[in-house]
Amino acid sequence: MKTNKYLEELKSQSAAELKQQLVEAKKELFNLRFQNATNQLDNTSRIKEVRKNIARIQTIITQKESVAE
């Protein structure tokens, strides 16, 4: 159920907002990977969650671009 709300929130955003959110998610993923490499990360499942969110954002950006054409 949480992902459905997240998807609806993403779909309502503009392409510029989505691209900004994508940059932030990639930075978060980098930081999580760095913490994992230095054994400072407690919740390793967060890496998987952020990766899936990045894929969701990229998918919606692609959909919006194909509709715009």
N, C-alpha and C. Protein backbone atom coordinates (compact mmCIF):
# COMPACT_ATOMS: atom_id res chain seq x y z
N MET A 1 0.82 -1.20 0.00
CA MET A 1 0.00 0.00 0.00
C MET A 1 0.86 1.26 0.00
N LYS A 2 2.00 1.19 0.67
CA LYS A 2 2.86 2.35 0.74
C LYS A 2 3.39 2.72 -0.64
N THR A 3 3.70 1.72 -1.45
CA THR A 3 4.26 2.01 -2.77
C THR A 3 3.21 2.64 -3.68
N ASN A 4 1.94 2.28 -3.53
CA ASN A 4 0.90 2.88 -4.35
C ASN A 4 0.79 4.37 -4.09
N LYS A 5 0.85 4.77 -2.84
CA LYS A 5 0.80 6.19 -2.50
C LYS A 5 2.03 6.90 -3.04
N TYR A 6 3.18 6.24 -2.93
CA TYR A 6 4.43 6.83 -3.42
C TYR A 6 4.37 7.01 -4.94
N LEU A 7 3.82 6.03 -5.64
CA LEU A 7 3.70 6.13 -7.10
C LEU A 7 2.76 7.25 -7.50
N GLU A 8 1.65 7.38 -6.81
CA GLU A 8 0.71 8.46 -7.12
C GLU A 8 1.36 9.81 -6.88
N GLU A 9 2.15 9.90 -5.82
CA GLU A 9 2.86 11.15 -5.53
C GLU A 9 3.86 11.46 -6.65
N LEU A 10 4.56 10.44 -7.12
CA LEU A 10 5.53 10.65 -8.20
C LEU A 10 4.84 11.06 -9.49
N LYS A 11 3.72 10.43 -9.80
CA LYS A 11 3.02 10.72 -11.05
C LYS A 11 2.47 12.15 -11.07
N SER A 12 2.19 12.71 -9.90
CA SER A 12 1.63 14.06 -9.85
C SER A 12 2.71 15.14 -9.97
N GLN A 13 3.98 14.76 -9.90
CA GLN A 13 5.06 15.74 -9.96
C GLN A 13 5.46 16.03 -11.40
N SER A 14 6.08 17.19 -11.58
CA SER A 14 6.55 17.56 -12.92
C SER A 14 7.87 16.85 -13.22
N ALA A 15 8.29 16.92 -14.47
CA ALA A 15 9.53 16.26 -14.88
C ALA A 15 10.74 16.85 -14.17
N ALA A 16 10.75 18.16 -13.97
CA ALA A 16 11.87 18.80 -13.28
C ALA A 16 11.95 18.34 -11.82
N GLU A 17 10.81 18.23 -11.17
CA GLU A 17 10.79 17.75 -9.78
C GLU A 17 11.26 16.31 -9.70
N LEU A 18 10.85 15.50 -10.67
CA LEU A 18 11.26 14.10 -10.69
C LEU A 18 12.77 13.97 -10.88
N LYS A 19 13.32 14.79 -11.75
CA LYS A 19 14.76 14.73 -11.99
C LYS A 19 15.53 15.16 -10.75
N GLN A 20 15.01 16.15 -10.03
CA GLN A 20 15.64 16.59 -8.79
C GLN A 20 15.58 15.47 -7.75
N GLN A 21 14.44 14.81 -7.67
CA GLN A 21 14.27 13.71 -6.72
C GLN A 21 15.19 12.54 -7.09
N LEU A 22 15.39 12.33 -8.38
CA LEU A 22 16.29 11.27 -8.84
C LEU A 22 17.73 11.56 -8.40
N VAL A 23 18.16 12.79 -8.52
CA VAL A 23 19.51 13.18 -8.09
C VAL A 23 19.66 12.94 -6.59
N GLU A 24 18.65 13.33 -5.82
CA GLU A 24 18.71 13.14 -4.37
C GLU A 24 18.76 11.66 -4.00
N ALA A 25 17.98 10.84 -4.71
CA ALA A 25 17.96 9.41 -4.43
C ALA A 25 19.32 8.78 -4.76
N LYS A 26 19.94 9.21 -5.84
CA LYS A 26 21.24 8.67 -6.20
C LYS A 26 22.31 9.07 -5.18
N LYS A 27 22.21 10.29 -4.65
CA LYS A 27 23.14 10.72 -3.60
C LYS A 27 22.94 9.87 -2.34
N GLU A 28 21.67 9.62 -2.02
CA GLU A 28 21.38 8.80 -0.84
C GLU A 28 21.93 7.39 -1.02
N LEU A 29 21.77 6.83 -2.22
CA LEU A 29 22.29 5.49 -2.49
C LEU A 29 23.81 5.46 -2.36
N PHE A 30 24.48 6.49 -2.86
CA PHE A 30 25.94 6.57 -2.73
C PHE A 30 26.34 6.57 -1.26
N ASN A 31 25.64 7.39 -0.47
CA ASN A 31 25.96 7.48 0.96
C ASN A 31 25.70 6.15 1.67
N LEU A 32 24.61 5.48 1.30
CA LEU A 32 24.30 4.19 1.92
C LEU A 32 25.36 3.16 1.58
N ARG A 33 25.81 3.14 0.32
CA ARG A 33 26.85 2.20 -0.08
C ARG A 33 28.16 2.49 0.64
N PHE A 34 28.45 3.77 0.81
CA PHE A 34 29.67 4.14 1.51
C PHE A 34 29.59 3.69 2.97
N GLN A 35 28.45 3.91 3.61
CA GLN A 35 28.27 3.48 5.00
C GLN A 35 28.36 1.96 5.11
N ASN A 36 27.83 1.26 4.13
CA ASN A 36 27.87 -0.20 4.14
C ASN A 36 29.32 -0.69 4.01
N ALA A 37 30.09 -0.04 3.18
CA ALA A 37 31.47 -0.46 2.98
C ALA A 37 32.32 -0.24 4.23
N THR A 38 31.96 0.77 5.01
CA THR A 38 32.72 1.06 6.23
C THR A 38 32.06 0.46 7.47
N ASN A 39 31.11 -0.44 7.27
CA ASN A 39 30.40 -1.14 8.35
C ASN A 39 29.69 -0.19 9.33
N GLN A 40 29.15 0.90 8.82
CA GLN A 40 28.41 1.83 9.65
C GLN A 40 26.91 1.74 9.40
N LEU A 41 26.50 0.94 8.44
CA LEU A 41 25.08 0.86 8.07
C LEU A 41 24.40 -0.25 8.85
N ASP A 42 23.33 0.12 9.56
CA ASP A 42 22.57 -0.86 10.35
C ASP A 42 21.49 -1.54 9.51
N ASN A 43 20.76 -0.74 8.73
CA ASN A 43 19.63 -1.27 7.96
C ASN A 43 20.05 -1.42 6.49
N THR A 44 20.58 -2.59 6.14
CA THR A 44 21.06 -2.79 4.78
C THR A 44 19.93 -2.92 3.76
N SER A 45 18.72 -3.19 4.21
CA SER A 45 17.59 -3.31 3.29
C SER A 45 17.23 -1.95 2.69
N ARG A 46 17.70 -0.89 3.30
CA ARG A 46 17.44 0.46 2.78
C ARG A 46 18.09 0.64 1.41
N ILE A 47 19.22 -0.02 1.16
CA ILE A 47 19.89 0.08 -0.14
C ILE A 47 18.96 -0.45 -1.23
N LYS A 48 18.35 -1.60 -0.99
CA LYS A 48 17.44 -2.20 -1.96
C LYS A 48 16.23 -1.30 -2.20
N GLU A 49 15.71 -0.72 -1.14
CA GLU A 49 14.54 0.15 -1.24
C GLU A 49 14.85 1.40 -2.07
N VAL A 50 16.01 1.99 -1.85
CA VAL A 50 16.40 3.19 -2.60
C VAL A 50 16.63 2.85 -4.07
N ARG A 51 17.24 1.69 -4.34
CA ARG A 51 17.45 1.27 -5.73
C ARG A 51 16.12 1.12 -6.46
N LYS A 52 15.13 0.54 -5.79
CA LYS A 52 13.81 0.37 -6.41
C LYS A 52 13.14 1.72 -6.63
N ASN A 53 13.32 2.64 -5.68
CA ASN A 53 12.74 3.97 -5.85
C ASN A 53 13.37 4.71 -7.02
N ILE A 54 14.67 4.53 -7.21
CA ILE A 54 15.34 5.15 -8.36
C ILE A 54 14.75 4.59 -9.66
N ALA A 55 14.53 3.29 -9.71
CA ALA A 55 13.94 2.68 -10.90
C ALA A 55 12.52 3.19 -11.14
N ARG A 56 11.77 3.36 -10.07
CA ARG A 56 10.40 3.88 -10.21
C ARG A 56 10.41 5.30 -10.77
N ILE A 57 11.30 6.13 -10.24
CA ILE A 57 11.40 7.51 -10.71
C ILE A 57 11.80 7.54 -12.17
N GLN A 58 12.79 6.74 -12.56
CA GLN A 58 13.23 6.71 -13.95
C GLN A 58 12.11 6.23 -14.87
N THR A 59 11.32 5.27 -14.43
CA THR A 59 10.23 4.76 -15.24
C THR A 59 9.19 5.84 -15.48
N ILE A 60 8.85 6.58 -14.46
CA ILE A 60 7.84 7.63 -14.61
C ILE A 60 8.37 8.76 -15.48
N ILE A 61 9.65 9.09 -15.36
CA ILE A 61 10.25 10.11 -16.22
C ILE A 61 10.15 9.67 -17.68
N THR A 62 10.46 8.41 -17.95
CA THR A 62 10.38 7.88 -19.31
C THR A 62 8.95 7.91 -19.84
N GLN A 63 8.00 7.55 -18.99
CA GLN A 63 6.59 7.58 -19.40
C GLN A 63 6.15 9.00 -19.74
N LYS A 64 6.55 9.96 -18.92
CA LYS A 64 6.16 11.35 -19.18
C LYS A 64 6.80 11.87 -20.45
N GLU A 65 8.03 11.46 -20.73
CA GLU A 65 8.69 11.89 -21.97
C GLU A 65 8.04 11.29 -23.18
N SER A 66 7.61 10.03 -23.10
CA SER A 66 6.98 9.40 -24.25
C SER A 66 5.59 9.98 -24.53
N VAL A 67 4.90 10.41 -23.48
CA VAL A 67 3.59 11.04 -23.66
C VAL A 67 3.76 12.43 -24.26
N ALA A 68 4.82 13.13 -23.90
CA ALA A 68 5.06 14.47 -24.40
C ALA A 68 5.40 14.49 -25.88
N GLU A 69 5.91 13.41 -26.42
CA GLU A 69 6.29 13.36 -27.83
C GLU A 69 5.13 13.19 -28.75
